[in-house]
N, C-alpha and C. Protein backbone atom coordinates (compact mmCIF):
# COMPACT_ATOMS: atom_id res chain seq x y z
N MET A 1 0.83 -1.17 0.00
CA MET A 1 0.00 0.00 0.00
C MET A 1 0.89 1.24 0.00
N ALA A 2 0.46 2.30 -0.65
CA ALA A 2 1.25 3.52 -0.77
C ALA A 2 1.37 4.21 0.59
N GLN A 3 2.51 4.83 0.80
CA GLN A 3 2.77 5.56 2.04
C GLN A 3 2.28 7.00 1.89
N ARG A 4 1.08 7.28 2.31
CA ARG A 4 0.50 8.61 2.15
C ARG A 4 1.05 9.60 3.18
N THR A 5 1.58 9.14 4.26
CA THR A 5 2.05 10.04 5.32
C THR A 5 3.50 10.44 5.13
N GLY A 6 4.16 9.85 4.15
CA GLY A 6 5.57 10.17 3.97
C GLY A 6 6.46 9.42 4.93
N ARG A 7 5.93 8.38 5.54
CA ARG A 7 6.73 7.60 6.49
C ARG A 7 7.12 6.28 5.86
N THR A 8 8.29 5.83 6.20
CA THR A 8 8.74 4.53 5.75
C THR A 8 8.14 3.48 6.66
N SER A 9 8.35 2.23 6.34
CA SER A 9 7.74 1.16 7.14
C SER A 9 8.26 1.14 8.57
N ASP A 10 9.44 1.71 8.83
CA ASP A 10 9.95 1.72 10.20
C ASP A 10 9.45 2.93 11.01
N GLY A 11 8.57 3.75 10.39
CA GLY A 11 7.95 4.85 11.13
C GLY A 11 8.65 6.18 10.98
N HIS A 12 9.80 6.22 10.30
CA HIS A 12 10.52 7.48 10.12
C HIS A 12 10.10 8.13 8.81
N GLY A 13 10.13 9.44 8.77
CA GLY A 13 9.75 10.17 7.56
C GLY A 13 10.83 10.09 6.50
N THR A 14 10.42 10.09 5.26
CA THR A 14 11.39 10.14 4.17
C THR A 14 11.94 11.55 4.07
N GLN A 15 13.12 11.68 3.47
CA GLN A 15 13.72 13.01 3.33
C GLN A 15 12.82 13.92 2.52
N GLU A 16 12.25 13.39 1.47
CA GLU A 16 11.37 14.21 0.62
C GLU A 16 10.16 14.69 1.41
N ALA A 17 9.57 13.80 2.19
CA ALA A 17 8.40 14.17 2.97
C ALA A 17 8.78 15.17 4.06
N GLN A 18 9.94 14.98 4.68
CA GLN A 18 10.37 15.92 5.71
C GLN A 18 10.64 17.29 5.12
N ALA A 19 11.20 17.33 3.92
CA ALA A 19 11.47 18.61 3.27
C ALA A 19 10.16 19.34 2.97
N ARG A 20 9.14 18.58 2.52
CA ARG A 20 7.84 19.19 2.24
C ARG A 20 7.16 19.64 3.52
N ALA A 21 7.42 18.93 4.62
CA ALA A 21 6.75 19.23 5.88
C ALA A 21 7.36 20.43 6.59
N THR A 22 8.55 20.85 6.18
CA THR A 22 9.21 21.97 6.84
C THR A 22 9.47 23.10 5.85
N PRO A 23 8.40 23.72 5.37
CA PRO A 23 8.61 24.82 4.44
C PRO A 23 9.32 25.98 5.16
N GLY A 24 10.18 26.66 4.42
CA GLY A 24 10.88 27.79 5.01
C GLY A 24 11.92 27.36 6.03
N LYS A 25 12.39 26.13 5.95
CA LYS A 25 13.38 25.65 6.91
C LYS A 25 14.62 26.53 6.87
N ILE A 26 15.35 26.53 7.95
CA ILE A 26 16.53 27.38 8.04
C ILE A 26 17.74 26.52 8.31
N ALA A 27 18.59 26.36 7.29
CA ALA A 27 19.86 25.68 7.50
C ALA A 27 20.91 26.71 7.90
N ALA A 28 20.77 27.92 7.38
CA ALA A 28 21.66 29.02 7.72
C ALA A 28 20.85 30.30 7.63
N SER A 29 20.99 31.14 8.61
CA SER A 29 20.23 32.39 8.63
C SER A 29 21.14 33.55 8.26
N PRO A 30 20.75 34.35 7.28
CA PRO A 30 21.58 35.49 6.92
C PRO A 30 21.55 36.56 8.01
N ASP A 31 22.68 37.22 8.21
CA ASP A 31 22.73 38.32 9.17
C ASP A 31 21.79 39.43 8.70
N PRO A 32 21.30 40.23 9.62
CA PRO A 32 20.49 41.38 9.21
C PRO A 32 21.36 42.40 8.46
N PHE A 33 20.74 43.18 7.61
CA PHE A 33 21.44 44.25 6.89
C PHE A 33 20.69 45.54 7.15
N ASN A 34 21.41 46.55 7.66
CA ASN A 34 20.76 47.82 8.00
C ASN A 34 21.09 48.95 7.04
N GLY A 35 21.77 48.63 5.97
CA GLY A 35 22.13 49.66 4.99
C GLY A 35 23.58 50.09 5.11
N ASN A 36 24.21 49.77 6.23
CA ASN A 36 25.64 50.06 6.39
C ASN A 36 26.42 48.85 5.92
N GLY A 37 27.54 49.05 5.35
CA GLY A 37 28.33 47.94 4.85
C GLY A 37 28.13 47.74 3.36
N ASP A 38 28.72 46.69 2.86
CA ASP A 38 28.72 46.42 1.43
C ASP A 38 27.49 45.60 1.04
N TRP A 39 26.60 46.19 0.26
CA TRP A 39 25.38 45.52 -0.17
C TRP A 39 25.69 44.25 -0.94
N GLN A 40 26.62 44.30 -1.88
CA GLN A 40 26.90 43.15 -2.73
C GLN A 40 27.41 41.97 -1.91
N GLU A 41 28.29 42.24 -0.96
CA GLU A 41 28.78 41.15 -0.10
C GLU A 41 27.63 40.56 0.71
N TRP A 42 26.76 41.42 1.23
CA TRP A 42 25.66 40.93 2.04
C TRP A 42 24.69 40.10 1.21
N ILE A 43 24.32 40.58 0.03
CA ILE A 43 23.34 39.84 -0.78
C ILE A 43 23.94 38.53 -1.28
N ASP A 44 25.26 38.49 -1.52
CA ASP A 44 25.91 37.23 -1.89
C ASP A 44 25.82 36.22 -0.74
N ALA A 45 26.06 36.68 0.49
CA ALA A 45 25.95 35.80 1.66
C ALA A 45 24.50 35.37 1.86
N PHE A 46 23.57 36.28 1.62
CA PHE A 46 22.14 35.95 1.72
C PHE A 46 21.79 34.83 0.75
N GLU A 47 22.30 34.92 -0.48
CA GLU A 47 22.03 33.88 -1.49
C GLU A 47 22.58 32.52 -1.07
N VAL A 48 23.76 32.52 -0.47
CA VAL A 48 24.34 31.26 0.01
C VAL A 48 23.44 30.66 1.09
N CYS A 49 23.02 31.48 2.04
CA CYS A 49 22.12 30.99 3.11
C CYS A 49 20.81 30.47 2.53
N SER A 50 20.26 31.19 1.56
CA SER A 50 18.97 30.77 1.00
C SER A 50 19.12 29.48 0.21
N ASP A 51 20.25 29.29 -0.46
CA ASP A 51 20.48 28.04 -1.18
C ASP A 51 20.64 26.87 -0.20
N LEU A 52 21.40 27.11 0.88
CA LEU A 52 21.57 26.06 1.90
C LEU A 52 20.24 25.69 2.54
N SER A 53 19.38 26.66 2.69
CA SER A 53 18.09 26.42 3.33
C SER A 53 17.04 25.90 2.36
N GLY A 54 17.35 25.94 1.06
CA GLY A 54 16.42 25.41 0.07
C GLY A 54 15.17 26.25 -0.13
N TRP A 55 15.30 27.56 0.03
CA TRP A 55 14.14 28.43 -0.09
C TRP A 55 13.73 28.62 -1.55
N THR A 56 12.44 28.76 -1.76
CA THR A 56 11.92 29.13 -3.08
C THR A 56 12.15 30.63 -3.26
N ASP A 57 11.94 31.12 -4.48
CA ASP A 57 12.10 32.56 -4.70
C ASP A 57 11.13 33.38 -3.85
N LYS A 58 9.93 32.85 -3.65
CA LYS A 58 8.95 33.56 -2.81
C LYS A 58 9.46 33.63 -1.37
N GLU A 59 10.00 32.51 -0.87
CA GLU A 59 10.54 32.51 0.50
C GLU A 59 11.76 33.42 0.60
N LYS A 60 12.59 33.43 -0.44
CA LYS A 60 13.76 34.32 -0.43
C LYS A 60 13.33 35.77 -0.31
N LEU A 61 12.29 36.13 -1.06
CA LEU A 61 11.79 37.51 -1.01
C LEU A 61 11.27 37.84 0.39
N GLN A 62 10.58 36.89 1.02
CA GLN A 62 10.07 37.11 2.37
C GLN A 62 11.23 37.25 3.37
N TRP A 63 12.23 36.38 3.24
CA TRP A 63 13.39 36.45 4.13
C TRP A 63 14.18 37.72 3.89
N LEU A 64 14.27 38.14 2.63
CA LEU A 64 14.96 39.39 2.32
C LEU A 64 14.30 40.54 3.06
N GLN A 65 12.98 40.61 2.98
CA GLN A 65 12.25 41.67 3.67
C GLN A 65 12.46 41.59 5.18
N LEU A 66 12.49 40.39 5.71
CA LEU A 66 12.66 40.19 7.15
C LEU A 66 14.06 40.59 7.62
N ARG A 67 15.09 40.32 6.83
CA ARG A 67 16.46 40.56 7.26
C ARG A 67 16.95 41.98 6.98
N LEU A 68 16.16 42.78 6.27
CA LEU A 68 16.51 44.18 6.07
C LEU A 68 15.95 44.98 7.24
N THR A 69 16.83 45.61 8.00
CA THR A 69 16.42 46.34 9.20
C THR A 69 16.78 47.81 9.06
N GLY A 70 16.26 48.61 9.94
CA GLY A 70 16.61 50.03 9.98
C GLY A 70 16.39 50.72 8.65
N ALA A 71 17.40 51.48 8.22
CA ALA A 71 17.31 52.24 6.97
C ALA A 71 17.10 51.32 5.77
N ALA A 72 17.71 50.14 5.79
CA ALA A 72 17.55 49.20 4.68
C ALA A 72 16.11 48.69 4.60
N GLY A 73 15.51 48.42 5.74
CA GLY A 73 14.11 47.99 5.77
C GLY A 73 13.18 49.09 5.26
N ARG A 74 13.47 50.32 5.67
CA ARG A 74 12.66 51.45 5.17
C ARG A 74 12.83 51.62 3.67
N THR A 75 14.03 51.39 3.17
CA THR A 75 14.28 51.48 1.73
C THR A 75 13.46 50.43 1.00
N PHE A 76 13.44 49.20 1.53
CA PHE A 76 12.66 48.13 0.90
C PHE A 76 11.17 48.49 0.89
N ARG A 77 10.67 48.95 2.02
CA ARG A 77 9.26 49.29 2.10
C ARG A 77 8.89 50.48 1.21
N GLY A 78 9.88 51.29 0.86
CA GLY A 78 9.64 52.45 0.01
C GLY A 78 9.76 52.16 -1.48
N LEU A 79 10.12 50.92 -1.83
CA LEU A 79 10.24 50.58 -3.25
C LEU A 79 8.87 50.52 -3.91
N ALA A 80 8.86 50.77 -5.21
CA ALA A 80 7.62 50.68 -5.98
C ALA A 80 7.09 49.26 -5.93
N GLU A 81 5.78 49.12 -6.05
CA GLU A 81 5.14 47.80 -5.96
C GLU A 81 5.70 46.81 -6.98
N ASN A 82 5.96 47.27 -8.20
CA ASN A 82 6.49 46.36 -9.22
C ASN A 82 7.93 45.94 -8.92
N ALA A 83 8.63 46.68 -8.07
CA ALA A 83 10.01 46.33 -7.73
C ALA A 83 10.07 45.21 -6.70
N VAL A 84 8.98 44.97 -5.99
CA VAL A 84 9.01 43.93 -4.96
C VAL A 84 8.14 42.73 -5.32
N ARG A 85 7.79 42.61 -6.58
CA ARG A 85 6.99 41.45 -7.02
C ARG A 85 7.84 40.20 -7.18
N SER A 86 9.11 40.38 -7.49
CA SER A 86 9.99 39.22 -7.66
C SER A 86 11.31 39.49 -6.94
N LEU A 87 12.01 38.42 -6.64
CA LEU A 87 13.29 38.54 -5.96
C LEU A 87 14.28 39.30 -6.81
N ASP A 88 14.36 38.98 -8.10
CA ASP A 88 15.32 39.64 -8.97
C ASP A 88 15.07 41.14 -9.08
N SER A 89 13.81 41.53 -9.22
CA SER A 89 13.52 42.96 -9.33
C SER A 89 13.81 43.67 -8.01
N ALA A 90 13.54 43.02 -6.89
CA ALA A 90 13.82 43.62 -5.58
C ALA A 90 15.33 43.78 -5.39
N LYS A 91 16.10 42.76 -5.76
CA LYS A 91 17.55 42.85 -5.62
C LYS A 91 18.12 43.97 -6.49
N ALA A 92 17.61 44.09 -7.72
CA ALA A 92 18.09 45.14 -8.63
C ALA A 92 17.76 46.53 -8.08
N ALA A 93 16.54 46.69 -7.59
CA ALA A 93 16.13 47.99 -7.04
C ALA A 93 16.94 48.34 -5.79
N LEU A 94 17.18 47.35 -4.95
CA LEU A 94 17.95 47.60 -3.73
C LEU A 94 19.41 47.89 -4.06
N ALA A 95 19.97 47.19 -5.03
CA ALA A 95 21.36 47.46 -5.43
C ALA A 95 21.49 48.90 -5.90
N GLN A 96 20.53 49.35 -6.66
CA GLN A 96 20.55 50.73 -7.14
C GLN A 96 20.39 51.71 -5.98
N ALA A 97 19.53 51.38 -5.04
CA ALA A 97 19.29 52.26 -3.90
C ALA A 97 20.52 52.37 -2.99
N PHE A 98 21.24 51.27 -2.81
CA PHE A 98 22.38 51.27 -1.90
C PHE A 98 23.67 51.73 -2.57
N GLN A 99 23.64 51.93 -3.87
CA GLN A 99 24.82 52.42 -4.58
C GLN A 99 24.67 53.94 -4.70
N SER A 100 25.29 54.67 -3.80
CA SER A 100 25.17 56.13 -3.85
C SER A 100 25.90 56.66 -5.09
N PRO A 101 25.50 57.82 -5.57
CA PRO A 101 26.07 58.34 -6.82
C PRO A 101 27.59 58.41 -6.84
N GLY A 102 28.21 58.83 -5.76
CA GLY A 102 29.66 58.96 -5.75
C GLY A 102 30.40 57.71 -5.32
N GLN A 103 29.65 56.67 -4.95
CA GLN A 103 30.27 55.47 -4.41
C GLN A 103 31.17 54.77 -5.42
N GLN A 104 30.75 54.67 -6.67
CA GLN A 104 31.57 53.98 -7.65
C GLN A 104 32.88 54.73 -7.88
N LEU A 105 32.83 56.05 -7.91
CA LEU A 105 34.05 56.84 -8.07
C LEU A 105 34.99 56.60 -6.90
N ILE A 106 34.45 56.53 -5.70
CA ILE A 106 35.26 56.26 -4.51
C ILE A 106 35.91 54.89 -4.62
N GLN A 107 35.14 53.90 -5.09
CA GLN A 107 35.69 52.55 -5.23
C GLN A 107 36.75 52.50 -6.32
N GLU A 108 36.56 53.24 -7.41
CA GLU A 108 37.58 53.29 -8.46
C GLU A 108 38.87 53.90 -7.92
N MET A 109 38.74 54.97 -7.15
CA MET A 109 39.92 55.62 -6.58
C MET A 109 40.62 54.69 -5.57
N ALA A 110 39.84 53.96 -4.80
CA ALA A 110 40.44 53.02 -3.84
C ALA A 110 41.22 51.94 -4.58
N PHE A 111 40.68 51.46 -5.70
CA PHE A 111 41.39 50.46 -6.50
C PHE A 111 42.68 51.04 -7.08
N ARG A 112 42.58 52.21 -7.68
CA ARG A 112 43.75 52.81 -8.33
C ARG A 112 44.85 53.19 -7.36
N SER A 113 44.47 53.56 -6.14
CA SER A 113 45.47 54.02 -5.18
C SER A 113 45.99 52.92 -4.26
N LYS A 114 45.46 51.72 -4.37
CA LYS A 114 45.89 50.61 -3.49
C LYS A 114 47.34 50.25 -3.79
N ARG A 115 48.16 50.27 -2.77
CA ARG A 115 49.57 49.88 -2.88
C ARG A 115 49.84 48.76 -1.89
N ARG A 116 50.76 47.91 -2.25
CA ARG A 116 51.13 46.79 -1.38
C ARG A 116 51.92 47.31 -0.19
N GLN A 117 51.49 46.88 0.99
CA GLN A 117 52.17 47.24 2.23
C GLN A 117 53.36 46.30 2.43
N PRO A 118 54.41 46.76 3.10
CA PRO A 118 55.60 45.90 3.29
C PRO A 118 55.28 44.58 3.99
N THR A 119 54.30 44.57 4.87
CA THR A 119 53.96 43.34 5.60
C THR A 119 52.90 42.51 4.88
N GLU A 120 52.41 43.00 3.75
CA GLU A 120 51.33 42.33 3.02
C GLU A 120 51.90 41.32 2.02
N SER A 121 51.37 40.12 2.02
CA SER A 121 51.82 39.12 1.04
C SER A 121 51.28 39.48 -0.34
N TRP A 122 51.93 38.94 -1.38
CA TRP A 122 51.47 39.21 -2.74
C TRP A 122 50.08 38.62 -2.96
N ALA A 123 49.82 37.48 -2.35
CA ALA A 123 48.51 36.84 -2.51
C ALA A 123 47.41 37.69 -1.88
N SER A 124 47.64 38.21 -0.68
CA SER A 124 46.61 39.03 -0.04
C SER A 124 46.45 40.37 -0.75
N HIS A 125 47.55 40.90 -1.29
CA HIS A 125 47.47 42.14 -2.07
C HIS A 125 46.64 41.91 -3.34
N ALA A 126 46.88 40.80 -4.01
CA ALA A 126 46.12 40.47 -5.22
C ALA A 126 44.64 40.28 -4.90
N THR A 127 44.35 39.61 -3.79
CA THR A 127 42.96 39.40 -3.38
C THR A 127 42.27 40.73 -3.07
N ALA A 128 42.97 41.61 -2.38
CA ALA A 128 42.40 42.92 -2.06
C ALA A 128 42.14 43.73 -3.33
N LEU A 129 43.09 43.69 -4.28
CA LEU A 129 42.90 44.40 -5.54
C LEU A 129 41.72 43.83 -6.32
N LEU A 130 41.61 42.52 -6.33
CA LEU A 130 40.51 41.87 -7.04
C LEU A 130 39.16 42.29 -6.46
N SER A 131 39.07 42.31 -5.15
CA SER A 131 37.83 42.72 -4.48
C SER A 131 37.49 44.18 -4.79
N LEU A 132 38.50 45.04 -4.73
CA LEU A 132 38.27 46.46 -5.04
C LEU A 132 37.85 46.65 -6.49
N ALA A 133 38.49 45.93 -7.40
CA ALA A 133 38.16 46.06 -8.83
C ALA A 133 36.74 45.59 -9.12
N GLU A 134 36.33 44.50 -8.48
CA GLU A 134 34.97 44.00 -8.70
C GLU A 134 33.92 45.00 -8.22
N LYS A 135 34.23 45.71 -7.14
CA LYS A 135 33.30 46.72 -6.63
C LYS A 135 33.32 47.98 -7.50
N ALA A 136 34.51 48.35 -7.96
CA ALA A 136 34.65 49.58 -8.74
C ALA A 136 34.11 49.45 -10.16
N TYR A 137 34.21 48.24 -10.71
CA TYR A 137 33.81 48.02 -12.10
C TYR A 137 32.86 46.82 -12.21
N PRO A 138 31.68 46.91 -11.63
CA PRO A 138 30.76 45.76 -11.62
C PRO A 138 30.26 45.36 -13.00
N HIS A 139 30.36 46.26 -13.97
CA HIS A 139 29.87 45.98 -15.32
C HIS A 139 30.89 45.21 -16.16
N LEU A 140 32.13 45.08 -15.70
CA LEU A 140 33.16 44.39 -16.47
C LEU A 140 33.13 42.89 -16.22
N ASP A 141 33.55 42.12 -17.22
CA ASP A 141 33.61 40.67 -17.07
C ASP A 141 34.91 40.28 -16.35
N GLY A 142 35.02 39.01 -16.02
CA GLY A 142 36.16 38.51 -15.26
C GLY A 142 37.50 38.72 -15.94
N ARG A 143 37.56 38.54 -17.25
CA ARG A 143 38.83 38.72 -17.98
C ARG A 143 39.30 40.17 -17.91
N SER A 144 38.38 41.10 -18.04
CA SER A 144 38.74 42.52 -17.97
C SER A 144 39.21 42.89 -16.57
N ILE A 145 38.53 42.37 -15.57
CA ILE A 145 38.94 42.62 -14.18
C ILE A 145 40.34 42.06 -13.95
N ASP A 146 40.58 40.82 -14.41
CA ASP A 146 41.91 40.22 -14.26
C ASP A 146 42.98 41.07 -14.93
N ALA A 147 42.71 41.58 -16.11
CA ALA A 147 43.69 42.41 -16.83
C ALA A 147 44.01 43.68 -16.03
N MET A 148 42.97 44.30 -15.47
CA MET A 148 43.19 45.52 -14.68
C MET A 148 43.98 45.22 -13.41
N VAL A 149 43.63 44.13 -12.75
CA VAL A 149 44.32 43.77 -11.51
C VAL A 149 45.77 43.40 -11.81
N ASN A 150 46.00 42.66 -12.90
CA ASN A 150 47.37 42.31 -13.27
C ASN A 150 48.20 43.56 -13.53
N ALA A 151 47.64 44.53 -14.23
CA ALA A 151 48.36 45.78 -14.50
C ALA A 151 48.69 46.50 -13.19
N GLN A 152 47.74 46.52 -12.27
CA GLN A 152 47.96 47.17 -10.98
C GLN A 152 49.00 46.41 -10.16
N LEU A 153 48.95 45.08 -10.21
CA LEU A 153 49.95 44.27 -9.50
C LEU A 153 51.34 44.53 -10.07
N LEU A 154 51.43 44.61 -11.37
CA LEU A 154 52.72 44.84 -12.03
C LEU A 154 53.32 46.18 -11.61
N GLN A 155 52.47 47.18 -11.44
CA GLN A 155 52.96 48.48 -10.98
C GLN A 155 53.48 48.41 -9.55
N SER A 156 53.03 47.42 -8.80
CA SER A 156 53.47 47.26 -7.41
C SER A 156 54.85 46.64 -7.31
N VAL A 157 55.30 46.00 -8.38
CA VAL A 157 56.61 45.36 -8.38
C VAL A 157 57.67 46.44 -8.56
N GLU A 158 58.53 46.61 -7.56
CA GLU A 158 59.52 47.68 -7.60
C GLU A 158 60.80 47.26 -8.31
N ASP A 159 61.14 46.00 -8.29
CA ASP A 159 62.36 45.52 -8.93
C ASP A 159 62.16 45.48 -10.45
N PRO A 160 62.92 46.28 -11.22
CA PRO A 160 62.73 46.32 -12.68
C PRO A 160 62.96 44.97 -13.36
N HIS A 161 63.93 44.20 -12.86
CA HIS A 161 64.20 42.90 -13.47
C HIS A 161 63.02 41.95 -13.24
N LEU A 162 62.50 41.93 -12.04
CA LEU A 162 61.34 41.09 -11.74
C LEU A 162 60.13 41.55 -12.55
N GLN A 163 59.97 42.84 -12.68
CA GLN A 163 58.87 43.38 -13.49
C GLN A 163 59.00 42.90 -14.94
N TYR A 164 60.23 42.90 -15.47
CA TYR A 164 60.47 42.43 -16.83
C TYR A 164 60.10 40.94 -16.96
N LEU A 165 60.52 40.14 -15.99
CA LEU A 165 60.22 38.71 -16.03
C LEU A 165 58.71 38.44 -15.99
N VAL A 166 58.01 39.19 -15.18
CA VAL A 166 56.56 39.02 -15.10
C VAL A 166 55.91 39.43 -16.42
N ARG A 167 56.33 40.54 -16.98
CA ARG A 167 55.77 40.99 -18.27
C ARG A 167 56.03 39.96 -19.36
N ARG A 168 57.18 39.35 -19.33
CA ARG A 168 57.55 38.36 -20.34
C ARG A 168 56.65 37.13 -20.30
N ARG A 169 56.20 36.78 -19.11
CA ARG A 169 55.30 35.62 -18.97
C ARG A 169 53.91 35.92 -19.48
N THR A 170 53.56 37.18 -19.63
CA THR A 170 52.24 37.66 -20.06
C THR A 170 51.09 36.92 -19.36
N PRO A 171 50.98 37.11 -18.05
CA PRO A 171 49.87 36.46 -17.33
C PRO A 171 48.53 37.03 -17.78
N THR A 172 47.54 36.15 -17.89
CA THR A 172 46.21 36.60 -18.32
C THR A 172 45.21 36.64 -17.17
N THR A 173 45.49 35.92 -16.10
CA THR A 173 44.61 35.95 -14.93
C THR A 173 45.42 36.35 -13.71
N VAL A 174 44.75 36.71 -12.67
CA VAL A 174 45.43 37.08 -11.43
C VAL A 174 46.19 35.88 -10.88
N ALA A 175 45.64 34.69 -11.04
CA ALA A 175 46.29 33.48 -10.54
C ALA A 175 47.61 33.20 -11.26
N ASP A 176 47.71 33.62 -12.53
CA ASP A 176 48.96 33.40 -13.28
C ASP A 176 50.08 34.20 -12.66
């Protein structure tokens, strides 16, 4: 006879039945976001939590609204009705709202002025440059970002001979 309750013959629920029985389950809860800090980093972490928790897009939108507090919550509530009908439209509207007009220029300047500190490893310097470049130039693809970061890394090399050797290898990615 078919198992209508989602239980196996030993009385325990099947994984599928348990998943259906716990809608909106929480495997990982995203931290609240109040509008301070980096929106892109926060929404990326939110997406990881929502994927781990197995939320539908509707649940993601509900959790997004719940985890936006303070000024960020007021910004969400102030969005046009069509902007909050889907998760993608809400994320796009919020990204635009949290990106102040001068913010991109500030991020570009931070990328251009970043210099390697004497105590900083080359790997951590490259990682910092990559993060700054992704924030400063969100419209560029990965290859373009890598080219910009490589050029900036090359400028950080003070030894002319080492700079020549690096140029000769013609690295195409930051990892190269």
